[in-house]
C-alpha atoms as a PDB file:
ATOM      1  CA  GLN A   1      96.975  77.921 105.507  1.00  0.00           C
ATOM      2  CA  VAL A   2      97.718  78.480 101.827  1.00  0.00           C
ATOM      3  CA  GLN A   3     100.125  80.997 100.354  1.00  0.00           C
ATOM      4  CA  LEU A   4     100.539  82.145  96.768  1.00  0.00           C
ATOM      5  CA  VAL A   5     103.825  83.794  95.838  1.00  0.00           C
ATOM      6  CA  GLU A   6     104.146  85.575  92.516  1.00  0.00           C
ATOM      7  CA  SER A   7     107.194  86.599  90.554  1.00  0.00           C
ATOM      8  CA  GLY A   8     108.186  87.851  87.132  1.00  0.00           C
ATOM      9  CA  GLY A   9     106.718  91.323  86.792  1.00  0.00           C
ATOM     10  CA  GLY A  10     108.667  94.324  85.607  1.00  0.00           C
ATOM     11  CA  LEU A  11     109.048  97.216  83.200  1.00  0.00           C
ATOM     12  CA  VAL A  12     109.265  96.334  79.514  1.00  0.00           C
ATOM     13  CA  GLN A  13     108.886  98.020  76.153  1.00  0.00           C
ATOM     14  CA  PRO A  14     105.895  97.447  73.875  1.00  0.00           C
ATOM     15  CA  GLY A  15     106.262  94.255  71.881  1.00  0.00           C
ATOM     16  CA  SER A  16     108.305  92.564  74.595  1.00  0.00           C
ATOM     17  CA  SER A  17     107.560  89.404  76.551  1.00  0.00           C
ATOM     18  CA  LEU A  18     107.300  88.565  80.232  1.00  0.00           C
ATOM     19  CA  ARG A  19     106.588  85.383  82.132  1.00  0.00           C
ATOM     20  CA  LEU A  20     104.770  85.493  85.432  1.00  0.00           C
ATOM     21  CA  SER A  21     104.928  82.645  87.929  1.00  0.00           C
ATOM     22  CA  CYS A  22     102.767  81.875  90.940  1.00  0.00           C
ATOM     23  CA  ALA A  23     103.573  79.070  93.358  1.00  0.00           C
ATOM     24  CA  ALA A  24     101.009  77.799  95.842  1.00  0.00           C
ATOM     25  CA  SER A  25     102.117  76.210  99.101  1.00  0.00           C
ATOM     26  CA  GLY A  26     100.574  75.029 102.344  1.00  0.00           C
ATOM     27  CA  SER A  27      97.558  72.827 103.019  1.00  0.00           C
ATOM     28  CA  ILE A  28      96.634  71.974  99.446  1.00  0.00           C
ATOM     29  CA  PHE A  29      94.403  68.987  98.702  1.00  0.00           C
ATOM     30  CA  ASN A  30      92.576  69.817  95.517  1.00  0.00           C
ATOM     31  CA  ILE A  31      93.092  72.722  93.153  1.00  0.00           C
ATOM     32  CA  TYR A  32      90.020  73.290  91.049  1.00  0.00           C
ATOM     33  CA  ALA A  33      91.450  76.149  89.052  1.00  0.00           C
ATOM     34  CA  MET A  34      94.324  78.596  88.949  1.00  0.00           C
ATOM     35  CA  GLY A  35      94.614  81.773  87.022  1.00  0.00           C
ATOM     36  CA  TRP A  36      95.372  85.440  86.760  1.00  0.00           C
ATOM     37  CA  TYR A  37      93.472  88.677  87.196  1.00  0.00           C
ATOM     38  CA  ARG A  38      94.783  92.155  86.607  1.00  0.00           C
ATOM     39  CA  GLN A  39      93.857  95.620  87.780  1.00  0.00           C
ATOM     40  CA  ALA A  40      94.902  98.806  86.033  1.00  0.00           C
ATOM     41  CA  PRO A  41      94.749 102.210  87.767  1.00  0.00           C
ATOM     42  CA  GLY A  42      91.185 103.459  87.941  1.00  0.00           C
ATOM     43  CA  LYS A  43      89.761 100.231  86.525  1.00  0.00           C
ATOM     44  CA  GLN A  44      88.072  97.174  87.935  1.00  0.00           C
ATOM     45  CA  ARG A  45      89.925  93.937  88.395  1.00  0.00           C
ATOM     46  CA  GLU A  46      89.458  91.734  85.331  1.00  0.00           C
ATOM     47  CA  LEU A  47      90.071  88.075  84.600  1.00  0.00           C
ATOM     48  CA  VAL A  48      93.015  87.568  82.266  1.00  0.00           C
ATOM     49  CA  ALA A  49      93.310  83.797  82.051  1.00  0.00           C
ATOM     50  CA  ILE A  50      92.165  80.721  83.916  1.00  0.00           C
ATOM     51  CA  ASP A  51      93.231  77.096  83.888  1.00  0.00           C
ATOM     52  CA  ILE A  52      90.413  74.844  85.098  1.00  0.00           C
ATOM     53  CA  SER A  53      91.401  71.394  86.295  1.00  0.00           C
ATOM     54  CA  GLY A  54      90.097  68.989  83.684  1.00  0.00           C
ATOM     55  CA  GLY A  55      88.275  71.824  82.016  1.00  0.00           C
ATOM     56  CA  GLY A  56      90.741  73.607  79.799  1.00  0.00           C
ATOM     57  CA  THR A  57      91.664  77.261  79.672  1.00  0.00           C
ATOM     58  CA  ASN A  58      89.920  80.552  79.040  1.00  0.00           C
ATOM     59  CA  TYR A  59      91.271  83.975  78.194  1.00  0.00           C
ATOM     60  CA  ALA A  60      90.065  87.530  78.107  1.00  0.00           C
ATOM     61  CA  ASP A  61      89.441  88.609  74.522  1.00  0.00           C
ATOM     62  CA  SER A  62      92.050  91.340  74.887  1.00  0.00           C
ATOM     63  CA  VAL A  63      94.864  88.828  75.453  1.00  0.00           C
ATOM     64  CA  LYS A  64      93.858  85.913  73.224  1.00  0.00           C
ATOM     65  CA  GLY A  65      96.685  84.945  70.893  1.00  0.00           C
ATOM     66  CA  ARG A  66      99.252  86.845  72.971  1.00  0.00           C
ATOM     67  CA  PHE A  67      99.090  85.304  76.462  1.00  0.00           C
ATOM     68  CA  THR A  68      99.356  81.637  77.384  1.00  0.00           C
ATOM     69  CA  ILE A  69      98.508  80.140  80.755  1.00  0.00           C
ATOM     70  CA  SER A  70     100.048  76.879  81.871  1.00  0.00           C
ATOM     71  CA  ARG A  71     100.265  74.901  85.091  1.00  0.00           C
ATOM     72  CA  ASP A  72     102.707  72.521  86.750  1.00  0.00           C
ATOM     73  CA  ASN A  73     100.525  70.329  88.958  1.00  0.00           C
ATOM     74  CA  VAL A  74     103.509  68.774  90.707  1.00  0.00           C
ATOM     75  CA  LYS A  75     104.813  72.162  91.783  1.00  0.00           C
ATOM     76  CA  ASN A  76     101.334  73.698  92.257  1.00  0.00           C
ATOM     77  CA  THR A  77     102.544  76.533  90.092  1.00  0.00           C
ATOM     78  CA  VAL A  78     100.748  78.522  87.408  1.00  0.00           C
ATOM     79  CA  TYR A  79     102.503  80.541  84.732  1.00  0.00           C
ATOM     80  CA  LEU A  80     101.422  83.324  82.420  1.00  0.00           C
ATOM     81  CA  GLN A  81     103.519  83.785  79.313  1.00  0.00           C
ATOM     82  CA  MET A  82     102.829  87.260  77.943  1.00  0.00           C
ATOM     83  CA  ASN A  83     103.998  88.082  74.424  1.00  0.00           C
ATOM     84  CA  SER A  84     103.559  91.140  72.234  1.00  0.00           C
ATOM     85  CA  LEU A  85     102.891  93.263  75.284  1.00  0.00           C
ATOM     86  CA  LYS A  86     101.004  96.522  74.824  1.00  0.00           C
ATOM     87  CA  PRO A  87     100.833  99.636  77.011  1.00  0.00           C
ATOM     88  CA  GLU A  88      97.235  98.707  77.846  1.00  0.00           C
ATOM     89  CA  ASP A  89      98.528  95.526  79.501  1.00  0.00           C
ATOM     90  CA  THR A  90     100.004  97.694  82.241  1.00  0.00           C
ATOM     91  CA  ALA A  91      98.461  96.617  85.534  1.00  0.00           C
ATOM     92  CA  VAL A  92      99.025  94.796  88.776  1.00  0.00           C
ATOM     93  CA  TYR A  93      98.632  91.096  88.051  1.00  0.00           C
ATOM     94  CA  TYR A  94      97.201  88.847  90.759  1.00  0.00           C
ATOM     95  CA  CYS A  95      97.212  85.090  90.685  1.00  0.00           C
ATOM     96  CA  PHE A  96      94.510  83.051  92.372  1.00  0.00           C
ATOM     97  CA  ALA A  97      93.868  79.439  93.234  1.00  0.00           C
ATOM     98  CA  ASP A  98      90.448  77.912  93.750  1.00  0.00           C
ATOM     99  CA  LEU A  99      90.769  75.275  96.441  1.00  0.00           C
ATOM    100  CA  GLY A 100      87.089  75.325  97.302  1.00  0.00           C
ATOM    101  CA  ARG A 101      87.631  78.927  98.288  1.00  0.00           C
ATOM    102  CA  ASN A 102      89.788  81.439  96.487  1.00  0.00           C
ATOM    103  CA  TYR A 103      93.281  82.343  97.601  1.00  0.00           C
ATOM    104  CA  TRP A 104      95.167  85.303  96.169  1.00  0.00           C
ATOM    105  CA  GLY A 105      98.738  86.311  95.580  1.00  0.00           C
ATOM    106  CA  GLN A 106     100.102  89.664  96.643  1.00  0.00           C
ATOM    107  CA  GLY A 107     100.215  91.053  93.107  1.00  0.00           C
ATOM    108  CA  THR A 108     103.064  91.865  90.765  1.00  0.00           C
ATOM    109  CA  GLN A 109     103.392  95.049  88.730  1.00  0.00           C
ATOM    110  CA  VAL A 110     103.674  94.830  84.959  1.00  0.00           C
ATOM    111  CA  THR A 111     104.450  98.091  83.192  1.00  0.00           C
ATOM    112  CA  VAL A 112     104.641  98.307  79.415  1.00  0.00           C
ATOM    113  CA  SER A 113     106.082 101.598  78.279  1.00  0.00           C
ATOM    114  CA  SER A 114     108.555 103.018  75.804  1.00  0.00           C
END
């Protein structure tokens, strides 16, 4: 059994920063990738950023230059540093881990509003 626990969401003003964390625990042997999706009201879930083991990182065009994904392989934790936040970044953010099958966190709300 694998669990992903997220933290770090909240309500911030435009231009602010937030850091999301997601820690994986349980029966973990190999993590092929970890990353973040988000889903805004009325929209489909979209990939925000992914860290591929040995394969680098990829970002959605809408967040390039503002968001940075990083991973602590010892702690099995993935982070998403979000800078220069915009109202359109408002969404529920879900982390995932690819261990041969995908596991998902419970989601954390990020609201960017003045």
